[in-house]
N, C-alpha and C. Protein backbone atom coordinates (compact mmCIF):
# COMPACT_ATOMS: atom_id res chain seq x y z
N UNK A 1 36.66 -36.06 213.09
CA UNK A 1 36.38 -37.41 212.11
C UNK A 1 35.29 -37.96 212.56
N UNK A 2 34.28 -38.53 211.76
CA UNK A 2 33.28 -38.87 212.49
C UNK A 2 33.31 -40.50 212.04
N UNK A 3 33.26 -41.35 213.22
CA UNK A 3 33.30 -42.58 213.19
C UNK A 3 31.99 -43.29 213.35
N UNK A 4 31.75 -44.60 213.05
CA UNK A 4 30.09 -44.96 213.12
C UNK A 4 30.35 -46.19 213.39
N UNK A 5 29.91 -46.89 214.37
CA UNK A 5 30.52 -48.62 214.73
C UNK A 5 29.10 -49.04 214.23
N UNK A 6 28.97 -50.27 213.61
CA UNK A 6 27.66 -50.68 213.98
C UNK A 6 27.63 -52.04 214.91
N UNK A 7 26.45 -51.18 215.96
CA UNK A 7 26.16 -52.05 217.04
C UNK A 7 25.39 -52.63 217.12
N UNK A 8 25.29 -53.95 217.58
CA UNK A 8 23.86 -54.85 218.04
C UNK A 8 23.90 -55.12 219.44
N UNK A 9 25.22 -55.00 219.87
CA UNK A 9 24.95 -55.29 221.61
C UNK A 9 25.66 -56.82 221.64
N UNK A 10 26.42 -57.22 220.43
CA UNK A 10 27.03 -58.43 221.05
C UNK A 10 28.32 -58.37 221.20
N UNK A 11 28.79 -59.39 221.54
CA UNK A 11 30.53 -59.14 221.67
C UNK A 11 31.18 -58.63 221.22
N UNK A 12 31.25 -59.02 219.63
CA UNK A 12 31.93 -58.12 218.67
C UNK A 12 31.67 -56.73 218.49
N UNK A 13 30.42 -56.39 218.35
CA UNK A 13 29.90 -54.95 218.18
C UNK A 13 30.29 -54.19 219.18
N UNK A 14 30.35 -54.72 220.54
CA UNK A 14 30.66 -53.89 221.74
C UNK A 14 31.99 -53.82 221.82
N UNK A 15 32.74 -55.13 221.53
CA UNK A 15 34.44 -54.90 221.71
C UNK A 15 35.08 -53.63 220.80
N UNK A 16 34.22 -53.74 219.34
CA UNK A 16 34.21 -52.76 218.44
C UNK A 16 34.53 -51.56 218.84
N UNK A 17 33.45 -51.15 219.27
CA UNK A 17 33.17 -49.79 219.99
C UNK A 17 34.28 -49.26 220.69
N UNK A 18 34.31 -50.19 221.65
CA UNK A 18 35.74 -49.98 222.98
C UNK A 18 36.89 -49.65 221.63
N UNK A 19 37.40 -50.57 220.95
CA UNK A 19 38.54 -50.74 220.36
C UNK A 19 38.32 -49.37 219.43
N UNK A 20 37.50 -48.73 219.01
CA UNK A 20 37.48 -47.96 217.96
C UNK A 20 37.65 -46.63 218.93
N UNK A 21 36.91 -46.45 219.92
CA UNK A 21 36.73 -45.47 220.81
C UNK A 21 38.51 -45.39 221.41
N UNK A 22 39.32 -46.71 221.37
CA UNK A 22 40.59 -45.97 222.55
C UNK A 22 41.97 -46.02 221.17
N UNK A 23 41.23 -46.61 220.04
CA UNK A 23 42.20 -46.61 219.42
C UNK A 23 41.98 -45.88 217.79
N UNK A 24 41.31 -45.41 217.86
CA UNK A 24 40.80 -45.01 216.45
C UNK A 24 40.61 -43.45 216.69
N UNK A 25 39.66 -43.00 217.83
CA UNK A 25 39.25 -41.58 217.82
C UNK A 25 40.26 -40.90 218.53
N UNK A 26 40.12 -39.43 218.25
CA UNK A 26 41.04 -38.54 218.92
C UNK A 26 40.21 -37.54 219.63
N UNK A 27 40.94 -36.73 220.21
CA UNK A 27 40.03 -35.57 220.96
C UNK A 27 39.03 -35.08 220.11
N UNK A 28 38.02 -34.77 220.27
CA UNK A 28 37.09 -33.93 219.11
C UNK A 28 36.46 -34.53 218.54
N UNK A 29 37.01 -35.62 218.28
CA UNK A 29 36.10 -36.80 217.36
C UNK A 29 34.55 -37.19 217.58
N UNK A 30 33.97 -37.71 216.89
CA UNK A 30 32.66 -37.88 217.16
C UNK A 30 32.45 -39.57 217.23
N UNK A 31 31.85 -40.24 217.71
CA UNK A 31 31.85 -41.96 217.56
C UNK A 31 30.54 -42.16 217.85
N UNK A 32 29.75 -42.93 216.83
CA UNK A 32 28.33 -43.01 216.68
C UNK A 32 28.00 -44.45 217.04
N UNK A 33 26.99 -44.94 217.72
CA UNK A 33 27.11 -46.07 218.10
C UNK A 33 25.65 -46.56 216.98
N UNK A 34 25.72 -46.95 216.04
CA UNK A 34 24.07 -47.11 215.36
C UNK A 34 23.84 -48.37 215.31
N UNK A 35 22.87 -48.63 215.61
CA UNK A 35 21.79 -49.92 215.86
C UNK A 35 20.92 -49.94 215.15
N UNK A 36 21.05 -50.98 214.77
CA UNK A 36 19.80 -51.38 213.22
C UNK A 36 18.91 -52.55 213.98
N UNK A 37 18.21 -52.51 214.34
CA UNK A 37 17.18 -53.67 214.51
C UNK A 37 16.09 -54.30 213.52
N UNK A 38 16.63 -55.70 213.33
CA UNK A 38 15.77 -56.33 212.25
C UNK A 38 14.47 -57.10 212.41
N UNK A 39 14.28 -57.55 213.64
CA UNK A 39 12.79 -57.78 213.77
C UNK A 39 12.53 -57.89 215.56
N UNK A 40 11.40 -57.98 215.82
CA UNK A 40 11.03 -57.82 217.34
C UNK A 40 12.07 -58.38 218.31
N UNK A 41 11.78 -59.74 218.39
CA UNK A 41 12.53 -60.31 219.61
C UNK A 41 14.01 -59.66 219.89
N UNK A 42 14.65 -59.76 218.39
CA UNK A 42 16.07 -59.33 218.57
C UNK A 42 16.21 -58.04 218.87
N UNK A 43 15.19 -57.07 218.52
CA UNK A 43 15.39 -55.70 218.91
C UNK A 43 15.28 -55.26 220.18
N UNK A 44 14.54 -56.38 221.04
CA UNK A 44 13.87 -56.03 222.33
C UNK A 44 15.08 -56.55 223.16
N UNK A 45 15.64 -57.93 222.79
CA UNK A 45 16.54 -58.51 223.48
C UNK A 45 18.15 -57.80 223.23
N UNK A 46 18.51 -57.30 222.37
CA UNK A 46 19.54 -56.89 222.31
C UNK A 46 19.87 -55.60 223.12
N UNK A 47 18.68 -54.70 223.04
CA UNK A 47 18.43 -53.35 224.13
C UNK A 47 17.99 -53.83 225.33
N UNK A 48 18.79 -54.89 226.22
CA UNK A 48 18.47 -55.40 227.41
C UNK A 48 18.93 -54.25 228.45
N UNK A 49 18.72 -54.64 229.88
CA UNK A 49 19.46 -53.50 230.35
C UNK A 49 21.02 -53.42 230.71
N UNK A 50 21.36 -54.78 230.29
CA UNK A 50 22.78 -54.82 230.48
C UNK A 50 23.59 -54.44 229.11
N UNK A 51 22.76 -54.40 228.12
CA UNK A 51 23.19 -53.52 227.02
C UNK A 51 22.96 -52.04 226.92
N UNK A 52 22.13 -51.74 227.66
CA UNK A 52 21.79 -50.14 227.79
C UNK A 52 22.95 -49.77 229.05
N UNK A 53 23.65 -50.65 230.14
CA UNK A 53 24.79 -50.34 230.92
C UNK A 53 26.04 -50.15 230.00
N UNK A 54 26.07 -50.94 229.02
CA UNK A 54 27.52 -51.14 228.23
C UNK A 54 27.65 -49.77 227.40
N UNK A 55 26.16 -49.40 227.14
CA UNK A 55 26.07 -48.00 226.20
C UNK A 55 26.75 -46.81 226.99
N UNK A 56 26.24 -47.01 228.06
CA UNK A 56 25.98 -45.63 229.09
C UNK A 56 27.62 -45.82 229.14
N UNK A 57 28.22 -46.95 229.98
CA UNK A 57 29.42 -46.83 230.13
C UNK A 57 30.46 -46.41 228.97
N UNK A 58 30.40 -46.27 227.71
CA UNK A 58 31.18 -46.43 226.13
C UNK A 58 30.88 -44.77 226.41
N UNK A 59 29.67 -44.26 226.97
CA UNK A 59 29.67 -42.81 226.76
C UNK A 59 30.19 -42.26 227.98
N UNK A 60 30.46 -42.66 228.97
CA UNK A 60 31.35 -42.25 230.01
C UNK A 60 32.44 -42.16 229.66
N UNK A 61 33.20 -43.30 228.71
CA UNK A 61 34.49 -43.36 228.94
C UNK A 61 34.80 -42.34 227.64
N UNK A 62 34.03 -42.10 226.54
CA UNK A 62 34.02 -40.80 225.93
C UNK A 62 34.15 -39.40 226.27
N UNK A 63 33.60 -39.37 227.34
CA UNK A 63 33.66 -38.10 227.92
C UNK A 63 35.01 -38.13 228.73
N UNK A 64 35.57 -39.27 229.08
CA UNK A 64 37.25 -39.32 230.07
C UNK A 64 38.03 -38.86 228.76
N UNK A 65 37.78 -39.50 227.53
CA UNK A 65 38.80 -39.48 226.37
C UNK A 65 38.27 -38.23 225.44
N UNK A 66 37.49 -37.22 225.70
CA UNK A 66 37.30 -35.94 225.24
C UNK A 66 36.63 -36.07 223.54
N UNK A 67 35.96 -37.35 223.51
CA UNK A 67 35.35 -37.96 222.71
C UNK A 67 33.67 -37.99 222.35
N UNK A 68 32.77 -37.29 221.49
CA UNK A 68 31.57 -37.02 221.47
C UNK A 68 30.93 -38.38 221.30
N UNK A 69 30.45 -39.14 222.01
CA UNK A 69 29.80 -40.51 221.88
C UNK A 69 28.10 -40.56 221.86
N UNK A 70 27.73 -40.73 220.76
CA UNK A 70 26.14 -40.83 220.56
C UNK A 70 25.41 -42.16 220.50
N UNK A 71 24.21 -42.50 220.66
CA UNK A 71 23.60 -43.75 220.28
C UNK A 71 22.39 -43.26 219.39
N UNK A 72 22.21 -43.84 218.30
CA UNK A 72 21.14 -44.00 217.64
C UNK A 72 20.44 -45.52 217.44
N UNK A 73 19.10 -45.29 217.60
CA UNK A 73 18.63 -47.12 216.83
C UNK A 73 17.45 -46.67 215.93
N UNK A 74 17.69 -47.63 214.75
CA UNK A 74 17.07 -47.86 213.83
C UNK A 74 16.35 -49.09 213.53
N UNK A 75 15.20 -48.90 213.14
CA UNK A 75 14.16 -50.48 212.82
C UNK A 75 13.72 -50.77 211.24
N UNK A 76 13.86 -51.72 211.09
CA UNK A 76 13.39 -52.27 209.69
C UNK A 76 12.98 -53.81 209.86
N UNK A 77 12.04 -53.90 209.92
CA UNK A 77 10.99 -55.32 209.78
C UNK A 77 11.31 -56.13 208.59
N UNK A 78 11.97 -57.27 208.76
CA UNK A 78 12.76 -58.15 207.54
C UNK A 78 12.35 -59.54 207.89
N UNK A 79 12.29 -60.43 206.87
CA UNK A 79 12.03 -62.19 207.57
C UNK A 79 13.25 -62.61 207.69
N UNK A 80 13.08 -63.93 208.69
CA UNK A 80 13.93 -64.61 208.90
C UNK A 80 13.98 -65.80 207.94
N UNK A 81 15.37 -65.91 207.55
CA UNK A 81 15.66 -67.37 207.06
C UNK A 81 16.11 -68.42 207.58
N UNK A 82 15.33 -69.67 207.26
CA UNK A 82 15.41 -70.86 207.80
C UNK A 82 15.80 -71.68 207.14
N UNK A 83 16.78 -71.74 206.22
CA UNK A 83 16.98 -72.60 205.55
C UNK A 83 18.38 -73.32 205.82
N UNK A 84 18.74 -73.20 207.27
CA UNK A 84 19.67 -73.90 207.66
C UNK A 84 19.55 -74.54 208.89
N UNK A 85 20.42 -75.07 209.94
CA UNK A 85 20.11 -75.28 211.24
C UNK A 85 19.88 -74.44 212.07
N UNK A 86 20.64 -72.84 212.00
CA UNK A 86 20.53 -71.71 212.58
C UNK A 86 19.48 -70.45 211.46
N UNK A 87 18.45 -70.33 212.08
CA UNK A 87 18.02 -69.49 211.12
C UNK A 87 18.81 -68.21 211.39
N UNK A 88 18.77 -67.19 210.69
CA UNK A 88 19.20 -65.92 210.64
C UNK A 88 18.40 -65.06 209.43
N UNK A 89 18.99 -63.79 209.63
CA UNK A 89 18.44 -62.58 208.73
C UNK A 89 19.14 -62.40 207.20
N UNK A 90 18.87 -62.68 206.16
CA UNK A 90 19.71 -62.77 204.90
C UNK A 90 20.54 -61.27 204.87
N UNK A 91 20.98 -60.98 204.31
CA UNK A 91 21.94 -59.37 203.51
C UNK A 91 21.76 -58.79 205.45
N UNK A 92 21.80 -59.25 206.53
CA UNK A 92 21.31 -58.78 207.69
C UNK A 92 22.58 -57.29 207.47
N UNK A 93 24.16 -57.65 207.71
CA UNK A 93 25.27 -56.85 207.20
C UNK A 93 25.12 -55.57 206.22
N UNK A 94 24.84 -56.62 205.22
CA UNK A 94 24.26 -55.52 203.96
C UNK A 94 22.95 -54.50 204.47
N UNK A 95 21.96 -54.88 205.06
CA UNK A 95 21.20 -53.96 205.33
C UNK A 95 21.42 -52.93 206.41
N UNK A 96 22.29 -53.57 207.22
CA UNK A 96 23.21 -52.53 208.24
C UNK A 96 23.96 -51.49 207.71
N UNK A 97 24.70 -51.87 206.81
CA UNK A 97 25.74 -50.91 206.53
C UNK A 97 25.18 -49.79 205.59
N UNK A 98 23.82 -50.21 204.75
CA UNK A 98 23.53 -49.49 203.67
C UNK A 98 22.56 -48.61 204.65
N UNK A 99 22.17 -48.53 205.87
CA UNK A 99 21.11 -48.01 206.47
C UNK A 99 21.96 -46.86 206.89
N UNK A 100 23.13 -47.28 207.60
CA UNK A 100 24.65 -46.33 207.69
C UNK A 100 24.73 -44.89 206.71
N UNK A 101 24.96 -45.86 206.03
CA UNK A 101 25.15 -45.30 204.77
C UNK A 101 24.17 -44.17 204.24
N UNK A 102 23.02 -44.41 204.25
CA UNK A 102 21.99 -43.52 203.72
C UNK A 102 21.65 -42.65 205.39
N UNK A 103 21.98 -43.08 206.54
CA UNK A 103 21.89 -41.95 207.52
C UNK A 103 22.82 -41.00 207.26
N UNK A 104 23.98 -41.33 207.36
CA UNK A 104 25.38 -40.47 207.33
C UNK A 104 25.54 -40.18 205.74
N UNK A 105 25.07 -40.24 204.93
CA UNK A 105 25.12 -39.58 203.69
C UNK A 105 25.48 -37.92 203.93
N UNK A 106 26.71 -37.62 203.25
CA UNK A 106 27.18 -36.08 203.16
C UNK A 106 27.91 -35.67 204.19
N UNK A 107 28.22 -36.72 204.93
CA UNK A 107 28.96 -36.50 206.05
C UNK A 107 30.35 -36.83 205.72
N UNK A 108 31.07 -35.94 205.77
CA UNK A 108 32.55 -35.90 205.57
C UNK A 108 33.45 -36.95 205.93
N UNK A 109 34.10 -37.79 204.87
CA UNK A 109 35.00 -38.59 205.65
C UNK A 109 34.58 -39.46 206.78
N UNK A 110 33.49 -39.99 206.62
CA UNK A 110 32.63 -40.84 207.78
C UNK A 110 33.63 -42.45 207.55
N UNK A 111 33.72 -42.57 208.82
CA UNK A 111 34.25 -44.13 208.72
C UNK A 111 33.09 -45.25 209.36
N UNK A 112 33.02 -46.15 208.89
CA UNK A 112 31.91 -47.21 209.28
C UNK A 112 32.69 -48.30 209.39
N UNK A 113 32.16 -48.77 210.72
CA UNK A 113 33.21 -50.03 211.16
C UNK A 113 32.30 -50.93 211.42
N UNK A 114 32.43 -52.14 210.89
CA UNK A 114 31.62 -53.44 211.37
C UNK A 114 32.25 -54.47 211.61
N UNK A 115 31.87 -55.25 212.76
CA UNK A 115 32.63 -56.12 213.40
C UNK A 115 32.16 -57.47 212.98
N UNK A 116 32.37 -57.73 211.91
CA UNK A 116 32.18 -59.24 211.13
C UNK A 116 33.14 -60.09 211.22
N UNK A 117 33.36 -61.17 211.39
CA UNK A 117 34.38 -61.93 211.29
C UNK A 117 33.97 -63.18 209.97
N UNK A 118 35.06 -63.32 209.18
CA UNK A 118 35.00 -64.24 208.07
C UNK A 118 35.12 -65.80 208.70
N UNK A 119 33.86 -66.41 209.19
CA UNK A 119 34.00 -67.35 209.68
C UNK A 119 33.15 -68.45 208.71
N UNK A 120 32.78 -68.25 207.41
CA UNK A 120 32.55 -69.30 206.41
C UNK A 120 31.23 -69.96 206.95
N UNK A 121 30.60 -69.09 207.20
CA UNK A 121 29.11 -69.83 207.85
C UNK A 121 27.99 -69.57 206.87
N UNK A 122 27.19 -70.80 206.44
CA UNK A 122 26.09 -70.36 205.48
C UNK A 122 25.33 -69.20 205.94
N UNK A 123 25.00 -68.37 204.61
CA UNK A 123 24.25 -67.32 204.83
C UNK A 123 25.07 -65.87 205.30
N UNK A 124 26.33 -65.88 205.56
CA UNK A 124 27.21 -64.96 205.86
C UNK A 124 28.06 -64.68 205.04
N UNK A 125 27.79 -64.52 203.76
CA UNK A 125 28.70 -63.94 202.95
C UNK A 125 29.12 -62.66 202.62
N UNK A 126 28.00 -61.66 203.59
CA UNK A 126 28.31 -60.59 204.01
C UNK A 126 29.38 -60.10 205.38
N UNK A 127 29.96 -61.24 205.38
CA UNK A 127 30.79 -61.00 206.20
C UNK A 127 32.71 -61.53 205.98
N UNK A 128 32.64 -61.27 204.80
CA UNK A 128 33.98 -61.53 204.09
C UNK A 128 34.77 -60.37 203.69
N UNK A 129 36.33 -60.40 203.39
CA UNK A 129 36.94 -59.34 203.13
C UNK A 129 36.44 -58.81 201.79
N UNK A 130 35.97 -59.59 200.81
CA UNK A 130 35.47 -59.61 199.26
C UNK A 130 34.71 -58.78 199.59
N UNK A 131 33.45 -58.91 200.40
CA UNK A 131 32.22 -58.17 200.48
C UNK A 131 32.84 -56.88 201.10
N UNK A 132 33.56 -56.21 201.80
CA UNK A 132 33.96 -55.49 202.21
C UNK A 132 34.64 -54.49 201.55
N UNK A 133 35.45 -54.96 200.31
CA UNK A 133 36.23 -54.45 199.25
C UNK A 133 34.93 -54.21 198.23
N UNK A 134 34.41 -54.95 198.29
CA UNK A 134 33.04 -54.59 197.17
C UNK A 134 31.98 -53.32 197.69
N UNK A 135 32.08 -53.38 198.72
CA UNK A 135 31.11 -52.26 199.25
C UNK A 135 31.92 -51.01 199.19
N UNK A 136 33.26 -51.03 199.53
CA UNK A 136 33.80 -49.92 199.38
C UNK A 136 34.18 -49.35 197.86
N UNK A 137 34.12 -50.54 196.74
CA UNK A 137 34.14 -49.77 195.66
C UNK A 137 32.91 -49.15 195.02
N UNK A 138 31.90 -49.86 195.44
CA UNK A 138 30.26 -48.78 195.26
C UNK A 138 30.19 -47.53 195.88
N UNK A 139 31.01 -47.58 197.21
CA UNK A 139 30.88 -46.09 197.64
C UNK A 139 31.68 -45.11 196.88
N UNK A 140 33.00 -45.71 196.26
CA UNK A 140 33.55 -44.99 195.36
C UNK A 140 32.84 -44.59 194.36
N UNK A 141 32.15 -45.38 193.93
CA UNK A 141 31.22 -45.34 192.35
C UNK A 141 30.31 -44.03 192.92
N UNK A 142 29.89 -44.13 193.83
CA UNK A 142 28.78 -43.12 194.34
C UNK A 142 29.23 -41.64 194.67
N UNK A 143 30.68 -41.58 194.69
CA UNK A 143 31.10 -40.38 194.85
C UNK A 143 31.07 -40.00 196.49
N UNK A 144 30.78 -40.83 197.36
CA UNK A 144 30.62 -40.72 198.78
C UNK A 144 32.01 -40.46 199.12
N UNK A 145 32.39 -39.80 199.97
CA UNK A 145 33.71 -39.66 201.00
C UNK A 145 33.37 -40.58 202.45
N UNK A 146 33.26 -41.70 201.82
CA UNK A 146 33.03 -42.74 203.38
C UNK A 146 33.91 -43.89 202.91
N UNK A 147 34.35 -44.83 204.04
CA UNK A 147 34.97 -45.94 204.27
C UNK A 147 34.20 -46.96 205.01
N UNK A 148 34.28 -48.12 204.46
CA UNK A 148 33.95 -49.36 205.79
C UNK A 148 34.93 -50.14 205.88
N UNK A 149 35.24 -50.36 207.09
CA UNK A 149 35.90 -50.99 207.83
C UNK A 149 35.65 -52.02 208.51
N UNK A 150 36.43 -53.25 208.58
CA UNK A 150 35.92 -54.57 209.04
C UNK A 150 37.38 -54.90 209.51
N UNK A 151 37.95 -54.20 210.90
CA UNK A 151 39.15 -54.63 211.44
C UNK A 151 39.32 -56.19 212.15
N UNK A 152 38.08 -56.69 212.29
CA UNK A 152 38.32 -58.38 213.14
C UNK A 152 37.82 -59.37 211.88
N UNK A 153 37.87 -58.73 210.75
CA UNK A 153 37.32 -59.63 209.58
C UNK A 153 38.30 -61.20 209.94
N UNK A 154 39.62 -60.87 209.81
CA UNK A 154 40.42 -62.18 210.10
C UNK A 154 40.83 -62.69 211.57
N UNK A 155 40.04 -62.45 212.43
CA UNK A 155 39.69 -62.74 213.79
C UNK A 155 39.39 -63.96 214.09
N UNK A 156 39.40 -64.88 215.07
CA UNK A 156 38.60 -65.81 215.82
C UNK A 156 37.63 -64.65 216.75
N UNK A 157 36.68 -65.71 217.25
CA UNK A 157 35.88 -64.89 218.62
C UNK A 157 36.66 -65.02 219.55
N UNK A 158 37.98 -66.12 219.77
CA UNK A 158 38.43 -65.98 220.77
C UNK A 158 39.43 -64.70 220.90
N UNK A 159 40.16 -64.67 219.99
CA UNK A 159 40.60 -63.28 219.49
C UNK A 159 39.91 -62.11 220.16
N UNK A 160 38.64 -62.20 219.55
CA UNK A 160 38.07 -60.90 220.00
C UNK A 160 37.91 -61.01 221.50
N UNK A 161 37.54 -61.92 222.24
CA UNK A 161 37.39 -62.06 223.53
C UNK A 161 38.94 -61.56 224.38
N UNK A 162 39.84 -61.70 223.63
CA UNK A 162 41.26 -60.96 224.14
C UNK A 162 41.01 -59.98 224.16
N UNK A 163 41.01 -59.01 223.32
CA UNK A 163 40.64 -57.77 223.11
C UNK A 163 39.84 -57.26 223.89
N UNK A 164 38.39 -57.94 223.96
CA UNK A 164 37.83 -57.33 225.22
C UNK A 164 38.17 -57.61 226.77
N UNK A 165 39.00 -58.66 226.77
CA UNK A 165 39.39 -58.50 228.40
C UNK A 165 40.39 -57.61 228.42
N UNK A 166 41.16 -57.38 227.35
CA UNK A 166 42.04 -56.17 227.47
C UNK A 166 41.80 -55.07 227.89
N UNK A 167 40.47 -54.45 227.28
CA UNK A 167 39.93 -53.27 227.73
C UNK A 167 38.88 -53.59 228.71
N UNK A 168 38.97 -54.76 229.60
CA UNK A 168 38.02 -54.88 230.63
C UNK A 168 36.49 -54.67 230.26
N UNK A 169 36.00 -55.37 229.38
CA UNK A 169 34.88 -54.91 228.89
C UNK A 169 33.99 -56.09 229.68
N UNK A 170 32.65 -56.02 230.12
CA UNK A 170 31.91 -56.64 230.88
C UNK A 170 31.18 -57.60 229.79
N UNK A 171 32.05 -58.36 229.26
CA UNK A 171 31.45 -59.28 228.43
C UNK A 171 29.92 -59.97 228.59
N UNK A 172 29.99 -60.06 229.95
CA UNK A 172 28.95 -60.74 230.23
C UNK A 172 27.53 -60.17 230.22
N UNK A 173 28.06 -58.82 230.41
CA UNK A 173 26.68 -58.15 229.69
C UNK A 173 26.38 -57.61 228.05
N UNK A 174 27.13 -58.81 227.35
CA UNK A 174 26.82 -58.41 226.00
C UNK A 174 25.41 -59.39 225.52
N UNK A 175 25.10 -59.45 224.58
CA UNK A 175 24.11 -60.18 223.97
C UNK A 175 23.94 -60.71 222.62
N UNK A 176 23.82 -61.95 222.34
CA UNK A 176 23.98 -62.76 221.04
C UNK A 176 23.17 -63.78 220.78
N UNK A 177 22.14 -63.77 221.79
CA UNK A 177 20.78 -64.85 221.23
C UNK A 177 20.23 -64.68 220.22
N UNK A 178 19.92 -65.54 219.47
CA UNK A 178 19.17 -65.63 218.25
C UNK A 178 17.67 -65.55 218.45
N UNK A 179 17.36 -66.75 219.62
CA UNK A 179 16.34 -67.35 219.92
C UNK A 179 15.67 -66.90 221.55
N UNK A 180 15.70 -65.41 221.32
CA UNK A 180 15.72 -65.27 223.42
C UNK A 180 14.16 -66.06 223.61
N UNK A 181 14.27 -66.17 225.06
CA UNK A 181 13.04 -66.92 225.72
C UNK A 181 12.21 -65.43 226.34
N UNK A 182 10.99 -65.76 226.19
CA UNK A 182 10.26 -64.69 226.83
C UNK A 182 10.04 -64.97 228.50
N UNK A 183 10.73 -64.18 229.46
CA UNK A 183 10.38 -64.42 230.86
C UNK A 183 9.42 -63.30 231.41
N UNK A 184 8.96 -63.43 232.46
CA UNK A 184 8.47 -62.37 233.26
C UNK A 184 9.11 -61.22 233.63
N UNK A 185 10.69 -61.40 233.42
CA UNK A 185 11.38 -59.93 233.65
C UNK A 185 11.98 -59.56 232.13
N UNK A 186 11.34 -60.01 230.91
CA UNK A 186 11.74 -59.41 229.85
C UNK A 186 12.34 -60.60 228.91
N UNK A 187 13.51 -61.12 228.44
CA UNK A 187 14.02 -61.65 227.56
C UNK A 187 15.21 -62.54 228.20
N UNK A 188 15.40 -64.14 228.13
CA UNK A 188 16.41 -64.40 228.34
C UNK A 188 17.03 -65.44 227.40
N UNK A 189 18.25 -65.56 227.27
CA UNK A 189 18.98 -66.64 226.23
C UNK A 189 18.53 -67.89 226.33
N UNK A 190 18.32 -68.51 224.85
CA UNK A 190 17.80 -69.68 224.80
C UNK A 190 18.75 -70.85 225.00
N UNK A 191 19.91 -70.50 224.97
CA UNK A 191 20.92 -71.57 225.63
C UNK A 191 21.27 -72.93 224.57
N UNK A 192 20.07 -72.37 223.43
CA UNK A 192 20.50 -73.63 222.39
C UNK A 192 21.26 -73.34 221.06
N UNK A 193 20.80 -72.00 220.58
CA UNK A 193 21.24 -71.30 219.22
C UNK A 193 22.91 -71.71 219.01
N UNK A 194 23.39 -71.33 217.88
CA UNK A 194 24.70 -70.95 217.57
C UNK A 194 25.22 -70.35 218.57
N UNK A 195 24.67 -69.04 218.56
CA UNK A 195 25.39 -67.94 219.16
C UNK A 195 25.53 -68.14 220.89
N UNK A 196 24.50 -68.60 221.35
CA UNK A 196 24.77 -69.14 222.86
C UNK A 196 25.60 -69.94 223.07
N UNK A 197 25.64 -71.23 222.26
CA UNK A 197 26.84 -72.06 222.14
C UNK A 197 28.11 -71.54 222.00
N UNK A 198 28.48 -70.55 221.25
CA UNK A 198 29.57 -69.81 221.12
C UNK A 198 30.22 -69.00 221.88
N UNK A 199 29.09 -68.58 223.13
CA UNK A 199 29.19 -67.91 224.20
C UNK A 199 30.13 -68.72 225.48
N UNK A 200 29.18 -70.18 225.59
CA UNK A 200 29.42 -70.87 226.07
C UNK A 200 30.29 -71.79 225.95
N UNK A 201 31.13 -71.66 224.88
CA UNK A 201 32.54 -72.23 224.39
C UNK A 201 33.75 -71.55 224.75
N UNK A 202 33.09 -70.27 224.99
CA UNK A 202 34.56 -69.25 225.10
C UNK A 202 34.19 -68.91 226.91
N UNK A 203 33.48 -69.45 227.34
CA UNK A 203 33.21 -69.36 228.95
C UNK A 203 32.63 -68.38 229.29
N UNK A 204 31.72 -67.72 228.08
CA UNK A 204 31.03 -66.18 228.59
C UNK A 204 29.82 -66.69 229.48
N UNK A 205 29.72 -65.93 230.59
CA UNK A 205 28.24 -66.40 231.12
C UNK A 205 27.00 -66.11 230.54
N UNK A 206 26.16 -67.07 230.24
CA UNK A 206 24.87 -67.15 229.77
C UNK A 206 23.58 -66.86 230.22
């Protein structure tokens, strides 16, 4: 079986990667961590040394589980939407999903995992169960043998943190900042965006 985790380096996608490895993959399966960078600062910040350490750990755990783990990184320049308090990339998950569908087109029975949470935030309509169902209908119309899965869609951030802790995931190494600051050592979280505040509320080191 070919499993593709849409991987951004944040708490949700990192937890989903470990969850998929341990609960969905069987010996001999392939687990692909599929990254899709949308603009410069986020692409560089999400692939910081700490996230690279997480990727290396997942690969090592894959060897232990006899699962073939690989990592791929694609890039697409898109505009940031500033129509709300916290800017975001419109249709980010949609772009992410279709990039993966295009990349693995023709792969038999590929499972694509999205770490979305249905939190009803403005601009994130592509994080809902209805959206996932619509994408799967479209895949079926295209005649592809693929499926989009969003196992965390009905959970909260705290639920995901509990799952991460159950797998002993180093959550402090994940990255979710929307507006990272440039420093002499690369990038640092801004501590002000909605993602940084979420992490602070969860007790995750920023």
